[in-house]
Amino acid sequence: MIVAITYENGNVFMHYGKTRQFILFDVENNVVKSEKIIDCGEYSHHTLADLLALNGVEVLICGGCGAHAVETLNAKNIKIYNNVCGDVHVAIKEYLNGNLNFNGPTECGCHH
């Protein structure tokens, strides 16, 4: 399974739609096997879900995301854990330990 986290300087970037990088964790049997940082490049606010889907992402961890982002991520069957902050390596450990709350298909961390 691939878990993506919005990324900036080692921390969870707080706004999904404005992130310029994601860190991708390849997780197998609840253990991180590898990680890599990808740049968003030509992808914009409205096409980030496409980038994640192309990279096989099943789970997104982020600070917050708007209603349109939730819709596009849901359409790609990407499960969203938002309202997360701090170090990305702590965040992935918290996810693997079951300590992050799944926010469901319609909730988001910011309203715009």
PDB file of N, CA and C in Angstrom:
ATOM      1  N   MET A   1       0.839  -1.166   0.000  1.00  0.00           N
ATOM      2  CA  MET A   1       0.000   0.000   0.000  1.00  0.00           C
ATOM      3  C   MET A   1       0.889   1.236   0.000  1.00  0.00           C
ATOM      4  N   ILE A   2       0.460   2.254  -0.723  1.00  0.00           N
ATOM      5  CA  ILE A   2       1.190   3.517  -0.760  1.00  0.00           C
ATOM      6  C   ILE A   2       0.406   4.556   0.044  1.00  0.00           C
ATOM      7  N   VAL A   3       1.091   5.176   1.002  1.00  0.00           N
ATOM      8  CA  VAL A   3       0.526   6.243   1.813  1.00  0.00           C
ATOM      9  C   VAL A   3       1.250   7.532   1.441  1.00  0.00           C
ATOM     10  N   ALA A   4       0.492   8.559   1.086  1.00  0.00           N
ATOM     11  CA  ALA A   4       1.067   9.863   0.744  1.00  0.00           C
ATOM     12  C   ALA A   4       0.811  10.845   1.875  1.00  0.00           C
ATOM     13  N   ILE A   5       1.792  11.702   2.112  1.00  0.00           N
ATOM     14  CA  ILE A   5       1.635  12.784   3.078  1.00  0.00           C
ATOM     15  C   ILE A   5       2.054  14.073   2.392  1.00  0.00           C
ATOM     16  N   THR A   6       1.221  15.116   2.533  1.00  0.00           N
ATOM     17  CA  THR A   6       1.636  16.425   2.028  1.00  0.00           C
ATOM     18  C   THR A   6       2.926  16.794   2.747  1.00  0.00           C
ATOM     19  N   TYR A   7       3.876  17.399   2.020  1.00  0.00           N
ATOM     20  CA  TYR A   7       5.238  17.494   2.547  1.00  0.00           C
ATOM     21  C   TYR A   7       5.841  18.875   2.331  1.00  0.00           C
ATOM     22  N   GLU A   8       6.473  19.385   3.399  1.00  0.00           N
ATOM     23  CA  GLU A   8       7.296  20.587   3.299  1.00  0.00           C
ATOM     24  C   GLU A   8       8.310  20.575   4.437  1.00  0.00           C
ATOM     25  N   ASN A   9       9.586  20.523   4.081  1.00  0.00           N
ATOM     26  CA  ASN A   9      10.686  20.584   5.063  1.00  0.00           C
ATOM     27  C   ASN A   9      10.535  19.578   6.198  1.00  0.00           C
ATOM     28  N   GLY A  10      10.148  18.355   5.868  1.00  0.00           N
ATOM     29  CA  GLY A  10      10.063  17.305   6.864  1.00  0.00           C
ATOM     30  C   GLY A  10       8.757  17.244   7.635  1.00  0.00           C
ATOM     31  N   ASN A  11       7.876  18.196   7.379  1.00  0.00           N
ATOM     32  CA  ASN A  11       6.614  18.269   8.096  1.00  0.00           C
ATOM     33  C   ASN A  11       5.417  18.073   7.174  1.00  0.00           C
ATOM     34  N   VAL A  12       4.276  17.775   7.792  1.00  0.00           N
ATOM     35  CA  VAL A  12       3.016  17.697   7.052  1.00  0.00           C
ATOM     36  C   VAL A  12       2.670  19.111   6.608  1.00  0.00           C
ATOM     37  N   PHE A  13       2.518  19.292   5.293  1.00  0.00           N
ATOM     38  CA  PHE A  13       2.117  20.597   4.768  1.00  0.00           C
ATOM     39  C   PHE A  13       0.635  20.777   5.057  1.00  0.00           C
ATOM     40  N   MET A  14       0.254  21.958   5.485  1.00  0.00           N
ATOM     41  CA  MET A  14      -1.074  22.154   6.048  1.00  0.00           C
ATOM     42  C   MET A  14      -2.203  22.333   5.032  1.00  0.00           C
ATOM     43  N   HIS A  15      -1.933  22.533   3.759  1.00  0.00           N
ATOM     44  CA  HIS A  15      -3.009  22.739   2.785  1.00  0.00           C
ATOM     45  C   HIS A  15      -2.787  21.856   1.561  1.00  0.00           C
ATOM     46  N   TYR A  16      -3.546  20.786   1.482  1.00  0.00           N
ATOM     47  CA  TYR A  16      -3.420  19.811   0.397  1.00  0.00           C
ATOM     48  C   TYR A  16      -3.341  20.476  -0.978  1.00  0.00           C
ATOM     49  N   GLY A  17      -4.253  21.378  -1.275  1.00  0.00           N
ATOM     50  CA  GLY A  17      -4.336  21.972  -2.610  1.00  0.00           C
ATOM     51  C   GLY A  17      -3.171  22.853  -2.993  1.00  0.00           C
ATOM     52  N   LYS A  18      -2.379  23.267  -2.022  1.00  0.00           N
ATOM     53  CA  LYS A  18      -1.231  24.129  -2.312  1.00  0.00           C
ATOM     54  C   LYS A  18       0.103  23.417  -2.129  1.00  0.00           C
ATOM     55  N   THR A  19       0.059  22.127  -1.810  1.00  0.00           N
ATOM     56  CA  THR A  19       1.309  21.408  -1.588  1.00  0.00           C
ATOM     57  C   THR A  19       2.106  21.313  -2.884  1.00  0.00           C
ATOM     58  N   ARG A  20       3.405  21.389  -2.777  1.00  0.00           N
ATOM     59  CA  ARG A  20       4.288  21.264  -3.943  1.00  0.00           C
ATOM     60  C   ARG A  20       5.013  19.929  -3.935  1.00  0.00           C
ATOM     61  N   GLN A  21       4.921  19.193  -2.819  1.00  0.00           N
ATOM     62  CA  GLN A  21       5.555  17.886  -2.728  1.00  0.00           C
ATOM     63  C   GLN A  21       4.719  16.953  -1.852  1.00  0.00           C
ATOM     64  N   PHE A  22       4.857  15.680  -2.150  1.00  0.00           N
ATOM     65  CA  PHE A  22       4.312  14.626  -1.302  1.00  0.00           C
ATOM     66  C   PHE A  22       5.462  13.696  -0.938  1.00  0.00           C
ATOM     67  N   ILE A  23       5.398  13.119   0.250  1.00  0.00           N
ATOM     68  CA  ILE A  23       6.294  12.018   0.573  1.00  0.00           C
ATOM     69  C   ILE A  23       5.434  10.761   0.515  1.00  0.00           C
ATOM     70  N   LEU A  24       5.919   9.776  -0.225  1.00  0.00           N
ATOM     71  CA  LEU A  24       5.189   8.524  -0.398  1.00  0.00           C
ATOM     72  C   LEU A  24       5.885   7.432   0.402  1.00  0.00           C
ATOM     73  N   PHE A  25       5.103   6.726   1.191  1.00  0.00           N
ATOM     74  CA  PHE A  25       5.602   5.608   1.976  1.00  0.00           C
ATOM     75  C   PHE A  25       5.012   4.320   1.411  1.00  0.00           C
ATOM     76  N   ASP A  26       5.875   3.387   1.059  1.00  0.00           N
ATOM     77  CA  ASP A  26       5.439   2.061   0.627  1.00  0.00           C
ATOM     78  C   ASP A  26       5.353   1.206   1.884  1.00  0.00           C
ATOM     79  N   VAL A  27       4.126   0.795   2.219  1.00  0.00           N
ATOM     80  CA  VAL A  27       3.873   0.069   3.462  1.00  0.00           C
ATOM     81  C   VAL A  27       3.454  -1.359   3.142  1.00  0.00           C
ATOM     82  N   GLU A  28       4.114  -2.294   3.796  1.00  0.00           N
ATOM     83  CA  GLU A  28       3.788  -3.713   3.630  1.00  0.00           C
ATOM     84  C   GLU A  28       3.733  -4.353   5.011  1.00  0.00           C
ATOM     85  N   ASN A  29       2.634  -5.045   5.301  1.00  0.00           N
ATOM     86  CA  ASN A  29       2.454  -5.681   6.614  1.00  0.00           C
ATOM     87  C   ASN A  29       2.662  -4.693   7.760  1.00  0.00           C
ATOM     88  N   ASN A  30       2.140  -3.479   7.556  1.00  0.00           N
ATOM     89  CA  ASN A  30       2.181  -2.423   8.569  1.00  0.00           C
ATOM     90  C   ASN A  30       3.598  -1.936   8.883  1.00  0.00           C
ATOM     91  N   VAL A  31       4.523  -2.135   7.941  1.00  0.00           N
ATOM     92  CA  VAL A  31       5.911  -1.681   8.086  1.00  0.00           C
ATOM     93  C   VAL A  31       6.283  -0.857   6.858  1.00  0.00           C
ATOM     94  N   VAL A  32       6.942   0.279   7.063  1.00  0.00           N
ATOM     95  CA  VAL A  32       7.417   1.099   5.948  1.00  0.00           C
ATOM     96  C   VAL A  32       8.591   0.397   5.289  1.00  0.00           C
ATOM     97  N   LYS A  33       8.439   0.082   4.005  1.00  0.00           N
ATOM     98  CA  LYS A  33       9.502  -0.576   3.236  1.00  0.00           C
ATOM     99  C   LYS A  33      10.410   0.425   2.537  1.00  0.00           C
ATOM    100  N   SER A  34       9.811   1.549   2.098  1.00  0.00           N
ATOM    101  CA  SER A  34      10.597   2.581   1.434  1.00  0.00           C
ATOM    102  C   SER A  34       9.820   3.890   1.466  1.00  0.00           C
ATOM    103  N   GLU A  35      10.531   4.957   1.162  1.00  0.00           N
ATOM    104  CA  GLU A  35       9.895   6.270   1.064  1.00  0.00           C
ATOM    105  C   GLU A  35      10.567   7.069  -0.030  1.00  0.00           C
ATOM    106  N   LYS A  36       9.794   7.962  -0.635  1.00  0.00           N
ATOM    107  CA  LYS A  36      10.357   8.860  -1.642  1.00  0.00           C
ATOM    108  C   LYS A  36       9.532  10.131  -1.693  1.00  0.00           C
ATOM    109  N   ILE A  37      10.186  11.209  -2.053  1.00  0.00           N
ATOM    110  CA  ILE A  37       9.520  12.500  -2.200  1.00  0.00           C
ATOM    111  C   ILE A  37       9.268  12.720  -3.684  1.00  0.00           C
ATOM    112  N   ILE A  38       8.036  13.137  -3.999  1.00  0.00           N
ATOM    113  CA  ILE A  38       7.727  13.469  -5.386  1.00  0.00           C
ATOM    114  C   ILE A  38       7.289  14.929  -5.459  1.00  0.00           C
ATOM    115  N   ASP A  39       7.688  15.594  -6.529  1.00  0.00           N
ATOM    116  CA  ASP A  39       7.264  16.967  -6.788  1.00  0.00           C
ATOM    117  C   ASP A  39       5.951  16.949  -7.545  1.00  0.00           C
ATOM    118  N   CYS A  40       5.133  17.953  -7.296  1.00  0.00           N
ATOM    119  CA  CYS A  40       3.840  18.037  -7.974  1.00  0.00           C
ATOM    120  C   CYS A  40       3.982  18.513  -9.411  1.00  0.00           C
ATOM    121  N   GLY A  41       5.069  19.212  -9.707  1.00  0.00           N
ATOM    122  CA  GLY A  41       5.336  19.631 -11.076  1.00  0.00           C
ATOM    123  C   GLY A  41       4.167  20.362 -11.704  1.00  0.00           C
ATOM    124  N   GLU A  42       3.665  19.825 -12.806  1.00  0.00           N
ATOM    125  CA  GLU A  42       2.595  20.472 -13.569  1.00  0.00           C
ATOM    126  C   GLU A  42       1.215  20.289 -12.938  1.00  0.00           C
ATOM    127  N   TYR A  43       1.131  19.464 -11.920  1.00  0.00           N
ATOM    128  CA  TYR A  43      -0.165  19.207 -11.299  1.00  0.00           C
ATOM    129  C   TYR A  43      -0.591  20.396 -10.452  1.00  0.00           C
ATOM    130  N   SER A  44      -1.863  20.707 -10.526  1.00  0.00           N
ATOM    131  CA  SER A  44      -2.399  21.866  -9.820  1.00  0.00           C
ATOM    132  C   SER A  44      -3.399  21.425  -8.761  1.00  0.00           C
ATOM    133  N   HIS A  45      -3.932  22.383  -8.089  1.00  0.00           N
ATOM    134  CA  HIS A  45      -4.926  22.184  -7.033  1.00  0.00           C
ATOM    135  C   HIS A  45      -5.984  21.160  -7.453  1.00  0.00           C
ATOM    136  N   HIS A  46      -6.447  21.243  -8.695  1.00  0.00           N
ATOM    137  CA  HIS A  46      -7.551  20.400  -9.151  1.00  0.00           C
ATOM    138  C   HIS A  46      -7.118  19.059  -9.725  1.00  0.00           C
ATOM    139  N   THR A  47      -5.827  18.827  -9.887  1.00  0.00           N
ATOM    140  CA  THR A  47      -5.374  17.575 -10.492  1.00  0.00           C
ATOM    141  C   THR A  47      -4.430  16.770  -9.598  1.00  0.00           C
ATOM    142  N   LEU A  48      -4.260  17.197  -8.355  1.00  0.00           N
ATOM    143  CA  LEU A  48      -3.370  16.469  -7.456  1.00  0.00           C
ATOM    144  C   LEU A  48      -3.838  15.041  -7.211  1.00  0.00           C
ATOM    145  N   ALA A  49      -5.144  14.824  -7.186  1.00  0.00           N
ATOM    146  CA  ALA A  49      -5.663  13.465  -6.995  1.00  0.00           C
ATOM    147  C   ALA A  49      -5.222  12.558  -8.140  1.00  0.00           C
ATOM    148  N   ASP A  50      -5.125  13.105  -9.358  1.00  0.00           N
ATOM    149  CA  ASP A  50      -4.635  12.323 -10.495  1.00  0.00           C
ATOM    150  C   ASP A  50      -3.193  11.890 -10.264  1.00  0.00           C
ATOM    151  N   LEU A  51      -2.360  12.816  -9.790  1.00  0.00           N
ATOM    152  CA  LEU A  51      -0.957  12.499  -9.503  1.00  0.00           C
ATOM    153  C   LEU A  51      -0.862  11.394  -8.457  1.00  0.00           C
ATOM    154  N   LEU A  52      -1.654  11.501  -7.406  1.00  0.00           N
ATOM    155  CA  LEU A  52      -1.621  10.481  -6.362  1.00  0.00           C
ATOM    156  C   LEU A  52      -2.075   9.133  -6.900  1.00  0.00           C
ATOM    157  N   ALA A  53      -3.147   9.130  -7.685  1.00  0.00           N
ATOM    158  CA  ALA A  53      -3.642   7.881  -8.253  1.00  0.00           C
ATOM    159  C   ALA A  53      -2.610   7.247  -9.186  1.00  0.00           C
ATOM    160  N   LEU A  54      -1.928   8.063  -9.974  1.00  0.00           N
ATOM    161  CA  LEU A  54      -0.891   7.544 -10.880  1.00  0.00           C
ATOM    162  C   LEU A  54       0.249   6.882 -10.111  1.00  0.00           C
ATOM    163  N   ASN A  55       0.443   7.304  -8.867  1.00  0.00           N
ATOM    164  CA  ASN A  55       1.505   6.741  -8.031  1.00  0.00           C
ATOM    165  C   ASN A  55       0.997   5.635  -7.112  1.00  0.00           C
ATOM    166  N   GLY A  56      -0.242   5.203  -7.324  1.00  0.00           N
ATOM    167  CA  GLY A  56      -0.791   4.078  -6.576  1.00  0.00           C
ATOM    168  C   GLY A  56      -1.170   4.380  -5.141  1.00  0.00           C
ATOM    169  N   VAL A  57      -1.391   5.641  -4.828  1.00  0.00           N
ATOM    170  CA  VAL A  57      -1.708   6.041  -3.454  1.00  0.00           C
ATOM    171  C   VAL A  57      -3.106   5.561  -3.066  1.00  0.00           C
ATOM    172  N   GLU A  58      -3.206   4.961  -1.879  1.00  0.00           N
ATOM    173  CA  GLU A  58      -4.492   4.520  -1.336  1.00  0.00           C
ATOM    174  C   GLU A  58      -4.917   5.355  -0.139  1.00  0.00           C
ATOM    175  N   VAL A  59      -3.946   6.000   0.523  1.00  0.00           N
ATOM    176  CA  VAL A  59      -4.213   6.786   1.726  1.00  0.00           C
ATOM    177  C   VAL A  59      -3.473   8.109   1.605  1.00  0.00           C
ATOM    178  N   LEU A  60      -4.170   9.206   1.964  1.00  0.00           N
ATOM    179  CA  LEU A  60      -3.554  10.533   2.026  1.00  0.00           C
ATOM    180  C   LEU A  60      -3.649  11.041   3.452  1.00  0.00           C
ATOM    181  N   ILE A  61      -2.519  11.526   3.964  1.00  0.00           N
ATOM    182  CA  ILE A  61      -2.466  12.198   5.253  1.00  0.00           C
ATOM    183  C   ILE A  61      -2.109  13.652   4.967  1.00  0.00           C
ATOM    184  N   CYS A  62      -2.907  14.583   5.506  1.00  0.00           N
ATOM    185  CA  CYS A  62      -2.659  15.994   5.212  1.00  0.00           C
ATOM    186  C   CYS A  62      -3.137  16.869   6.366  1.00  0.00           C
ATOM    187  N   GLY A  63      -2.818  18.148   6.264  1.00  0.00           N
ATOM    188  CA  GLY A  63      -3.289  19.096   7.262  1.00  0.00           C
ATOM    189  C   GLY A  63      -4.763  19.385   7.069  1.00  0.00           C
ATOM    190  N   GLY A  64      -5.120  19.804   5.890  1.00  0.00           N
ATOM    191  CA  GLY A  64      -6.506  20.112   5.574  1.00  0.00           C
ATOM    192  C   GLY A  64      -6.731  20.088   4.080  1.00  0.00           C
ATOM    193  N   CYS A  65      -7.990  19.932   3.704  1.00  0.00           N
ATOM    194  CA  CYS A  65      -8.340  19.957   2.284  1.00  0.00           C
ATOM    195  C   CYS A  65      -9.773  20.438   2.144  1.00  0.00           C
ATOM    196  N   GLY A  66     -10.036  21.102   1.034  1.00  0.00           N
ATOM    197  CA  GLY A  66     -11.359  21.637   0.775  1.00  0.00           C
ATOM    198  C   GLY A  66     -12.318  20.596   0.233  1.00  0.00           C
ATOM    199  N   ALA A  67     -13.570  20.986   0.118  1.00  0.00           N
ATOM    200  CA  ALA A  67     -14.636  20.074  -0.310  1.00  0.00           C
ATOM    201  C   ALA A  67     -14.376  19.503  -1.702  1.00  0.00           C
ATOM    202  N   HIS A  68     -13.893  20.317  -2.636  1.00  0.00           N
ATOM    203  CA  HIS A  68     -13.612  19.812  -3.985  1.00  0.00           C
ATOM    204  C   HIS A  68     -12.509  18.758  -3.943  1.00  0.00           C
ATOM    205  N   ALA A  69     -11.498  18.993  -3.141  1.00  0.00           N
ATOM    206  CA  ALA A  69     -10.409  18.020  -3.011  1.00  0.00           C
ATOM    207  C   ALA A  69     -10.940  16.708  -2.454  1.00  0.00           C
ATOM    208  N   VAL A  70     -11.802  16.785  -1.458  1.00  0.00           N
ATOM    209  CA  VAL A  70     -12.397  15.572  -0.891  1.00  0.00           C
ATOM    210  C   VAL A  70     -13.136  14.803  -1.978  1.00  0.00           C
ATOM    211  N   GLU A  71     -13.897  15.499  -2.796  1.00  0.00           N
ATOM    212  CA  GLU A  71     -14.637  14.848  -3.884  1.00  0.00           C
ATOM    213  C   GLU A  71     -13.698  14.155  -4.868  1.00  0.00           C
ATOM    214  N   THR A  72     -12.633  14.854  -5.284  1.00  0.00           N
ATOM    215  CA  THR A  72     -11.729  14.262  -6.278  1.00  0.00           C
ATOM    216  C   THR A  72     -10.947  13.097  -5.691  1.00  0.00           C
ATOM    217  N   LEU A  73     -10.575  13.192  -4.427  1.00  0.00           N
ATOM    218  CA  LEU A  73      -9.873  12.086  -3.777  1.00  0.00           C
ATOM    219  C   LEU A  73     -10.806  10.889  -3.596  1.00  0.00           C
ATOM    220  N   ASN A  74     -12.041  11.138  -3.211  1.00  0.00           N
ATOM    221  CA  ASN A  74     -13.017  10.053  -3.081  1.00  0.00           C
ATOM    222  C   ASN A  74     -13.236   9.353  -4.419  1.00  0.00           C
ATOM    223  N   ALA A  75     -13.267  10.138  -5.496  1.00  0.00           N
ATOM    224  CA  ALA A  75     -13.462   9.563  -6.832  1.00  0.00           C
ATOM    225  C   ALA A  75     -12.317   8.636  -7.221  1.00  0.00           C
ATOM    226  N   LYS A  76     -11.147   8.853  -6.650  1.00  0.00           N
ATOM    227  CA  LYS A  76      -9.964   8.018  -6.916  1.00  0.00           C
ATOM    228  C   LYS A  76      -9.796   6.929  -5.858  1.00  0.00           C
ATOM    229  N   ASN A  77     -10.775   6.815  -4.953  1.00  0.00           N
ATOM    230  CA  ASN A  77     -10.738   5.819  -3.868  1.00  0.00           C
ATOM    231  C   ASN A  77      -9.523   5.992  -2.957  1.00  0.00           C
ATOM    232  N   ILE A  78      -9.181   7.251  -2.692  1.00  0.00           N
ATOM    233  CA  ILE A  78      -8.083   7.565  -1.781  1.00  0.00           C
ATOM    234  C   ILE A  78      -8.689   7.975  -0.447  1.00  0.00           C
ATOM    235  N   LYS A  79      -8.333   7.266   0.595  1.00  0.00           N
ATOM    236  CA  LYS A  79      -8.844   7.508   1.942  1.00  0.00           C
ATOM    237  C   LYS A  79      -8.076   8.674   2.560  1.00  0.00           C
ATOM    238  N   ILE A  80      -8.795   9.607   3.182  1.00  0.00           N
ATOM    239  CA  ILE A  80      -8.199  10.847   3.679  1.00  0.00           C
ATOM    240  C   ILE A  80      -8.151  10.872   5.205  1.00  0.00           C
ATOM    241  N   TYR A  81      -6.965  11.160   5.718  1.00  0.00           N
ATOM    242  CA  TYR A  81      -6.778  11.437   7.148  1.00  0.00           C
ATOM    243  C   TYR A  81      -6.261  12.864   7.209  1.00  0.00           C
ATOM    244  N   ASN A  82      -7.089  13.797   7.687  1.00  0.00           N
ATOM    245  CA  ASN A  82      -6.638  15.189   7.704  1.00  0.00           C
ATOM    246  C   ASN A  82      -6.583  15.725   9.130  1.00  0.00           C
ATOM    247  N   ASN A  83      -6.316  16.999   9.231  1.00  0.00           N
ATOM    248  CA  ASN A  83      -6.091  17.664  10.516  1.00  0.00           C
ATOM    249  C   ASN A  83      -4.868  17.086  11.230  1.00  0.00           C
ATOM    250  N   VAL A  84      -3.876  16.697  10.441  1.00  0.00           N
ATOM    251  CA  VAL A  84      -2.633  16.140  10.966  1.00  0.00           C
ATOM    252  C   VAL A  84      -1.542  17.200  10.796  1.00  0.00           C
ATOM    253  N   CYS A  85      -0.680  17.327  11.782  1.00  0.00           N
ATOM    254  CA  CYS A  85       0.418  18.283  11.670  1.00  0.00           C
ATOM    255  C   CYS A  85       1.680  17.677  12.271  1.00  0.00           C
ATOM    256  N   GLY A  86       2.792  18.343  12.028  1.00  0.00           N
ATOM    257  CA  GLY A  86       4.059  17.908  12.605  1.00  0.00           C
ATOM    258  C   GLY A  86       4.898  17.086  11.642  1.00  0.00           C
ATOM    259  N   ASP A  87       5.873  16.402  12.185  1.00  0.00           N
ATOM    260  CA  ASP A  87       6.846  15.618  11.430  1.00  0.00           C
ATOM    261  C   ASP A  87       6.170  14.481  10.667  1.00  0.00           C
ATOM    262  N   VAL A  88       6.520  14.317   9.386  1.00  0.00           N
ATOM    263  CA  VAL A  88       5.892  13.274   8.561  1.00  0.00           C
ATOM    264  C   VAL A  88       6.207  11.871   9.063  1.00  0.00           C
ATOM    265  N   HIS A  89       7.382  11.681   9.643  1.00  0.00           N
ATOM    266  CA  HIS A  89       7.733  10.348  10.135  1.00  0.00           C
ATOM    267  C   HIS A  89       6.948   9.995  11.397  1.00  0.00           C
ATOM    268  N   VAL A  90       6.633  10.986  12.192  1.00  0.00           N
ATOM    269  CA  VAL A  90       5.741  10.765  13.340  1.00  0.00           C
ATOM    270  C   VAL A  90       4.339  10.469  12.824  1.00  0.00           C
ATOM    271  N   ALA A  91       3.897  11.212  11.811  1.00  0.00           N
ATOM    272  CA  ALA A  91       2.553  11.013  11.255  1.00  0.00           C
ATOM    273  C   ALA A  91       2.373   9.607  10.689  1.00  0.00           C
ATOM    274  N   ILE A  92       3.360   9.100   9.955  1.00  0.00           N
ATOM    275  CA  ILE A  92       3.217   7.750   9.387  1.00  0.00           C
ATOM    276  C   ILE A  92       3.210   6.713  10.508  1.00  0.00           C
ATOM    277  N   LYS A  93       4.006   6.924  11.555  1.00  0.00           N
ATOM    278  CA  LYS A  93       3.991   5.999  12.696  1.00  0.00           C
ATOM    279  C   LYS A  93       2.638   6.014  13.389  1.00  0.00           C
ATOM    280  N   GLU A  94       2.063   7.201  13.552  1.00  0.00           N
ATOM    281  CA  GLU A  94       0.745   7.319  14.179  1.00  0.00           C
ATOM    282  C   GLU A  94      -0.314   6.624  13.328  1.00  0.00           C
ATOM    283  N   TYR A  95      -0.211   6.766  12.006  1.00  0.00           N
ATOM    284  CA  TYR A  95      -1.138   6.076  11.113  1.00  0.00           C
ATOM    285  C   TYR A  95      -1.000   4.555  11.275  1.00  0.00           C
ATOM    286  N   LEU A  96       0.216   4.064  11.214  1.00  0.00           N
ATOM    287  CA  LEU A  96       0.453   2.620  11.310  1.00  0.00           C
ATOM    288  C   LEU A  96       0.020   2.053  12.662  1.00  0.00           C
ATOM    289  N   ASN A  97       0.081   2.878  13.704  1.00  0.00           N
ATOM    290  CA  ASN A  97      -0.342   2.452  15.032  1.00  0.00           C
ATOM    291  C   ASN A  97      -1.846   2.619  15.259  1.00  0.00           C
ATOM    292  N   GLY A  98      -2.549   3.111  14.234  1.00  0.00           N
ATOM    293  CA  GLY A  98      -3.999   3.284  14.347  1.00  0.00           C
ATOM    294  C   GLY A  98      -4.424   4.484  15.160  1.00  0.00           C
ATOM    295  N   ASN A  99      -3.541   5.464  15.275  1.00  0.00           N
ATOM    296  CA  ASN A  99      -3.829   6.620  16.115  1.00  0.00           C
ATOM    297  C   ASN A  99      -4.342   7.840  15.367  1.00  0.00           C
ATOM    298  N   LEU A 100      -4.519   7.747  14.049  1.00  0.00           N
ATOM    299  CA  LEU A 100      -5.099   8.858  13.294  1.00  0.00           C
ATOM    300  C   LEU A 100      -6.573   8.564  13.054  1.00  0.00           C
ATOM    301  N   ASN A 101      -7.365   9.624  13.038  1.00  0.00           N
ATOM    302  CA  ASN A 101      -8.794   9.465  12.802  1.00  0.00           C
ATOM    303  C   ASN A 101      -9.118   9.614  11.333  1.00  0.00           C
ATOM    304  N   PHE A 102      -9.838   8.622  10.806  1.00  0.00           N
ATOM    305  CA  PHE A 102     -10.342   8.710   9.437  1.00  0.00           C
ATOM    306  C   PHE A 102     -11.502   9.685   9.454  1.00  0.00           C
ATOM    307  N   ASN A 103     -11.464  10.664   8.552  1.00  0.00           N
ATOM    308  CA  ASN A 103     -12.445  11.736   8.592  1.00  0.00           C
ATOM    309  C   ASN A 103     -13.655  11.504   7.697  1.00  0.00           C
ATOM    310  N   GLY A 104     -13.735  10.342   7.092  1.00  0.00           N
ATOM    311  CA  GLY A 104     -14.903  10.039   6.282  1.00  0.00           C
ATOM    312  C   GLY A 104     -14.861  10.689   4.921  1.00  0.00           C
ATOM    313  N   PRO A 105     -15.843  10.371   4.101  1.00  0.00           N
ATOM    314  CA  PRO A 105     -15.836  10.848   2.726  1.00  0.00           C
ATOM    315  C   PRO A 105     -16.231  12.300   2.535  1.00  0.00           C
ATOM    316  N   THR A 106     -16.758  12.973   3.559  1.00  0.00           N
ATOM    317  CA  THR A 106     -17.238  14.340   3.322  1.00  0.00           C
ATOM    318  C   THR A 106     -16.620  15.387   4.221  1.00  0.00           C
ATOM    319  N   GLU A 107     -15.893  15.009   5.236  1.00  0.00           N
ATOM    320  CA  GLU A 107     -15.308  16.005   6.129  1.00  0.00           C
ATOM    321  C   GLU A 107     -13.975  16.504   5.597  1.00  0.00           C
ATOM    322  N   CYS A 108     -13.651  17.740   5.918  1.00  0.00           N
ATOM    323  CA  CYS A 108     -12.356  18.277   5.517  1.00  0.00           C
ATOM    324  C   CYS A 108     -11.866  19.228   6.588  1.00  0.00           C
ATOM    325  N   GLY A 109     -10.598  19.514   6.549  1.00  0.00           N
ATOM    326  CA  GLY A 109      -9.979  20.300   7.595  1.00  0.00           C
ATOM    327  C   GLY A 109     -10.030  21.805   7.389  1.00  0.00           C
ATOM    328  N   CYS A 110     -10.361  22.240   6.189  1.00  0.00           N
ATOM    329  CA  CYS A 110     -10.481  23.684   5.969  1.00  0.00           C
ATOM    330  C   CYS A 110     -11.712  23.948   5.105  1.00  0.00           C
ATOM    331  N   HIS A 111     -12.254  25.090   5.259  1.00  0.00           N
ATOM    332  CA  HIS A 111     -13.496  25.419   4.554  1.00  0.00           C
ATOM    333  C   HIS A 111     -13.252  26.659   3.695  1.00  0.00           C
ATOM    334  N   HIS A 112     -13.308  26.446   2.391  1.00  0.00           N
ATOM    335  CA  HIS A 112     -13.137  27.573   1.474  1.00  0.00           C
ATOM    336  C   HIS A 112     -13.906  27.336   0.201  1.00  0.00           C
TER     337      HIS A 112
END
